[in-house]
Amino acid sequence: MVEIFKTNVNNKKLAGTLLKELHASFPCYCFNFDLDDCDRILRVQSEDISIELTKIIQIVKAHSIEVSLLEE
């Protein structure tokens, strides 16, 4: 399962900080940012379990980052 979020993360340092916190909270998920994409996407992948969208959004918003789920 893969979920993609649109964000306004604009630098690698902030992306790194968020990735560390997200991985600490959800060690079973794989996270990465694509800051070169116009939507500065956060990609979340899980092999076995469903992705906890609400909790991920709460963690990201706690850093004053705009985040929304991109629908297919």
N, C-alpha and C. Protein backbone atom coordinates (compact mmCIF):
# COMPACT_ATOMS: atom_id res chain seq x y z
N MET A 1 0.84 -1.17 0.00
CA MET A 1 0.00 0.00 0.00
C MET A 1 0.90 1.25 0.00
N VAL A 2 0.53 2.23 -0.82
CA VAL A 2 1.27 3.48 -0.90
C VAL A 2 0.28 4.64 -0.79
N GLU A 3 0.62 5.62 0.01
CA GLU A 3 -0.15 6.86 0.12
C GLU A 3 0.78 8.01 -0.19
N ILE A 4 0.25 9.02 -0.87
CA ILE A 4 1.05 10.18 -1.26
C ILE A 4 0.39 11.45 -0.74
N PHE A 5 1.20 12.27 -0.08
CA PHE A 5 0.73 13.52 0.50
C PHE A 5 1.38 14.71 -0.19
N LYS A 6 0.62 15.75 -0.41
CA LYS A 6 1.15 17.02 -0.88
C LYS A 6 1.56 17.83 0.35
N THR A 7 2.75 18.44 0.31
CA THR A 7 3.22 19.24 1.45
C THR A 7 3.79 20.56 0.96
N ASN A 8 4.18 21.39 1.90
CA ASN A 8 4.89 22.62 1.55
C ASN A 8 6.31 22.61 2.16
N VAL A 9 6.86 21.42 2.38
CA VAL A 9 8.23 21.29 2.87
C VAL A 9 9.16 21.86 1.80
N ASN A 10 10.04 22.78 2.20
CA ASN A 10 10.84 23.46 1.19
C ASN A 10 12.35 23.28 1.35
N ASN A 11 12.79 22.44 2.30
CA ASN A 11 14.23 22.22 2.41
C ASN A 11 14.53 20.82 2.96
N LYS A 12 15.73 20.36 2.64
CA LYS A 12 16.12 18.99 3.01
C LYS A 12 16.26 18.81 4.51
N LYS A 13 16.66 19.85 5.23
CA LYS A 13 16.82 19.72 6.68
C LYS A 13 15.47 19.44 7.35
N LEU A 14 14.45 20.20 6.97
CA LEU A 14 13.12 19.98 7.53
C LEU A 14 12.59 18.60 7.12
N ALA A 15 12.81 18.23 5.87
CA ALA A 15 12.37 16.91 5.41
C ALA A 15 13.04 15.81 6.23
N GLY A 16 14.33 15.96 6.50
CA GLY A 16 15.05 14.98 7.31
C GLY A 16 14.51 14.88 8.72
N THR A 17 14.20 16.02 9.31
CA THR A 17 13.63 16.04 10.66
C THR A 17 12.30 15.30 10.69
N LEU A 18 11.45 15.59 9.71
CA LEU A 18 10.15 14.92 9.65
C LEU A 18 10.30 13.43 9.40
N LEU A 19 11.21 13.05 8.53
CA LEU A 19 11.40 11.63 8.25
C LEU A 19 11.84 10.86 9.50
N LYS A 20 12.74 11.46 10.27
CA LYS A 20 13.19 10.80 11.52
C LYS A 20 12.03 10.61 12.48
N GLU A 21 11.22 11.65 12.65
CA GLU A 21 10.10 11.55 13.59
C GLU A 21 9.05 10.56 13.10
N LEU A 22 8.74 10.60 11.81
CA LEU A 22 7.76 9.66 11.27
C LEU A 22 8.25 8.22 11.37
N HIS A 23 9.51 7.99 11.07
CA HIS A 23 10.05 6.63 11.16
C HIS A 23 10.07 6.14 12.62
N ALA A 24 10.35 7.04 13.56
CA ALA A 24 10.33 6.65 14.98
C ALA A 24 8.92 6.27 15.41
N SER A 25 7.91 6.96 14.88
CA SER A 25 6.52 6.68 15.25
C SER A 25 5.96 5.47 14.51
N PHE A 26 6.45 5.24 13.29
CA PHE A 26 5.93 4.15 12.46
C PHE A 26 7.09 3.39 11.82
N PRO A 27 7.79 2.58 12.59
CA PRO A 27 8.97 1.88 12.05
C PRO A 27 8.64 0.86 10.96
N CYS A 28 7.39 0.47 10.82
CA CYS A 28 7.02 -0.51 9.79
C CYS A 28 6.76 0.13 8.43
N TYR A 29 6.70 1.45 8.36
CA TYR A 29 6.45 2.16 7.11
C TYR A 29 7.77 2.65 6.51
N CYS A 30 7.77 2.81 5.19
CA CYS A 30 8.88 3.47 4.50
C CYS A 30 8.40 4.86 4.09
N PHE A 31 9.20 5.87 4.40
CA PHE A 31 8.86 7.26 4.10
C PHE A 31 9.94 7.87 3.20
N ASN A 32 9.51 8.74 2.29
CA ASN A 32 10.48 9.57 1.59
C ASN A 32 9.80 10.82 1.04
N PHE A 33 10.60 11.86 0.85
CA PHE A 33 10.13 13.11 0.26
C PHE A 33 10.68 13.23 -1.15
N ASP A 34 9.90 13.84 -2.02
CA ASP A 34 10.37 14.26 -3.33
C ASP A 34 10.19 15.77 -3.39
N LEU A 35 11.24 16.49 -3.00
CA LEU A 35 11.17 17.95 -2.95
C LEU A 35 11.30 18.58 -4.33
N ASP A 36 11.70 17.79 -5.33
CA ASP A 36 11.78 18.31 -6.70
C ASP A 36 10.42 18.32 -7.39
N ASP A 37 9.49 17.53 -6.89
CA ASP A 37 8.13 17.51 -7.43
C ASP A 37 7.43 18.82 -7.06
N CYS A 38 6.57 19.31 -7.93
CA CYS A 38 5.88 20.58 -7.65
C CYS A 38 5.01 20.51 -6.40
N ASP A 39 4.57 19.31 -6.02
CA ASP A 39 3.74 19.14 -4.82
C ASP A 39 4.55 18.77 -3.58
N ARG A 40 5.88 18.70 -3.74
CA ARG A 40 6.79 18.36 -2.63
C ARG A 40 6.23 17.18 -1.83
N ILE A 41 6.09 16.07 -2.52
CA ILE A 41 5.34 14.96 -1.97
C ILE A 41 6.08 14.20 -0.87
N LEU A 42 5.27 13.71 0.04
CA LEU A 42 5.69 12.76 1.06
C LEU A 42 5.05 11.43 0.67
N ARG A 43 5.88 10.44 0.42
CA ARG A 43 5.40 9.12 0.04
C ARG A 43 5.53 8.18 1.23
N VAL A 44 4.47 7.43 1.50
CA VAL A 44 4.45 6.47 2.61
C VAL A 44 4.10 5.11 2.04
N GLN A 45 4.92 4.12 2.37
CA GLN A 45 4.68 2.77 1.86
C GLN A 45 4.64 1.79 3.02
N SER A 46 3.70 0.86 2.94
CA SER A 46 3.56 -0.19 3.94
C SER A 46 3.31 -1.51 3.23
N GLU A 47 4.03 -2.53 3.63
CA GLU A 47 3.87 -3.83 2.99
C GLU A 47 2.70 -4.63 3.59
N ASP A 48 2.57 -4.57 4.92
CA ASP A 48 1.65 -5.50 5.57
C ASP A 48 0.46 -4.86 6.28
N ILE A 49 0.60 -3.62 6.72
CA ILE A 49 -0.45 -3.03 7.53
C ILE A 49 -0.98 -1.76 6.89
N SER A 50 -2.21 -1.39 7.26
CA SER A 50 -2.80 -0.17 6.69
C SER A 50 -2.08 1.05 7.25
N ILE A 51 -2.07 2.10 6.47
CA ILE A 51 -1.35 3.33 6.83
C ILE A 51 -2.27 4.23 7.65
N GLU A 52 -1.76 4.68 8.77
CA GLU A 52 -2.53 5.52 9.69
C GLU A 52 -2.45 6.99 9.23
N LEU A 53 -3.33 7.33 8.31
CA LEU A 53 -3.30 8.65 7.68
C LEU A 53 -3.45 9.78 8.67
N THR A 54 -4.40 9.68 9.56
CA THR A 54 -4.68 10.76 10.51
C THR A 54 -3.49 11.05 11.39
N LYS A 55 -2.84 10.02 11.89
CA LYS A 55 -1.68 10.22 12.78
C LYS A 55 -0.51 10.83 12.03
N ILE A 56 -0.29 10.40 10.79
CA ILE A 56 0.79 10.97 9.98
C ILE A 56 0.53 12.45 9.76
N ILE A 57 -0.68 12.80 9.39
CA ILE A 57 -1.05 14.21 9.17
C ILE A 57 -0.85 15.02 10.45
N GLN A 58 -1.23 14.48 11.59
CA GLN A 58 -1.04 15.19 12.87
C GLN A 58 0.43 15.47 13.14
N ILE A 59 1.29 14.50 12.92
CA ILE A 59 2.72 14.68 13.16
C ILE A 59 3.28 15.76 12.25
N VAL A 60 2.93 15.72 10.97
CA VAL A 60 3.44 16.70 10.02
C VAL A 60 2.91 18.10 10.36
N LYS A 61 1.63 18.22 10.65
CA LYS A 61 1.04 19.52 10.98
C LYS A 61 1.62 20.10 12.28
N ALA A 62 2.07 19.25 13.18
CA ALA A 62 2.68 19.72 14.43
C ALA A 62 3.94 20.53 14.16
N HIS A 63 4.51 20.39 12.96
CA HIS A 63 5.70 21.15 12.55
C HIS A 63 5.32 22.37 11.71
N SER A 64 4.05 22.74 11.76
CA SER A 64 3.51 23.88 11.00
C SER A 64 3.68 23.69 9.50
N ILE A 65 3.52 22.46 9.05
CA ILE A 65 3.62 22.12 7.64
C ILE A 65 2.21 21.85 7.11
N GLU A 66 1.93 22.39 5.91
CA GLU A 66 0.67 22.08 5.25
C GLU A 66 0.80 20.70 4.63
N VAL A 67 -0.21 19.88 4.81
CA VAL A 67 -0.17 18.52 4.29
C VAL A 67 -1.58 18.08 3.93
N SER A 68 -1.71 17.43 2.78
CA SER A 68 -3.01 16.88 2.38
C SER A 68 -2.77 15.63 1.54
N LEU A 69 -3.70 14.71 1.65
CA LEU A 69 -3.61 13.45 0.92
C LEU A 69 -3.93 13.72 -0.55
N LEU A 70 -3.07 13.24 -1.44
CA LEU A 70 -3.35 13.34 -2.88
C LEU A 70 -4.20 12.15 -3.27
N GLU A 71 -5.35 12.43 -3.83
CA GLU A 71 -6.26 11.37 -4.28
C GLU A 71 -5.89 10.97 -5.69
N GLU A 72 -6.07 9.71 -6.00
CA GLU A 72 -5.75 9.22 -7.36
C GLU A 72 -6.85 9.54 -8.31
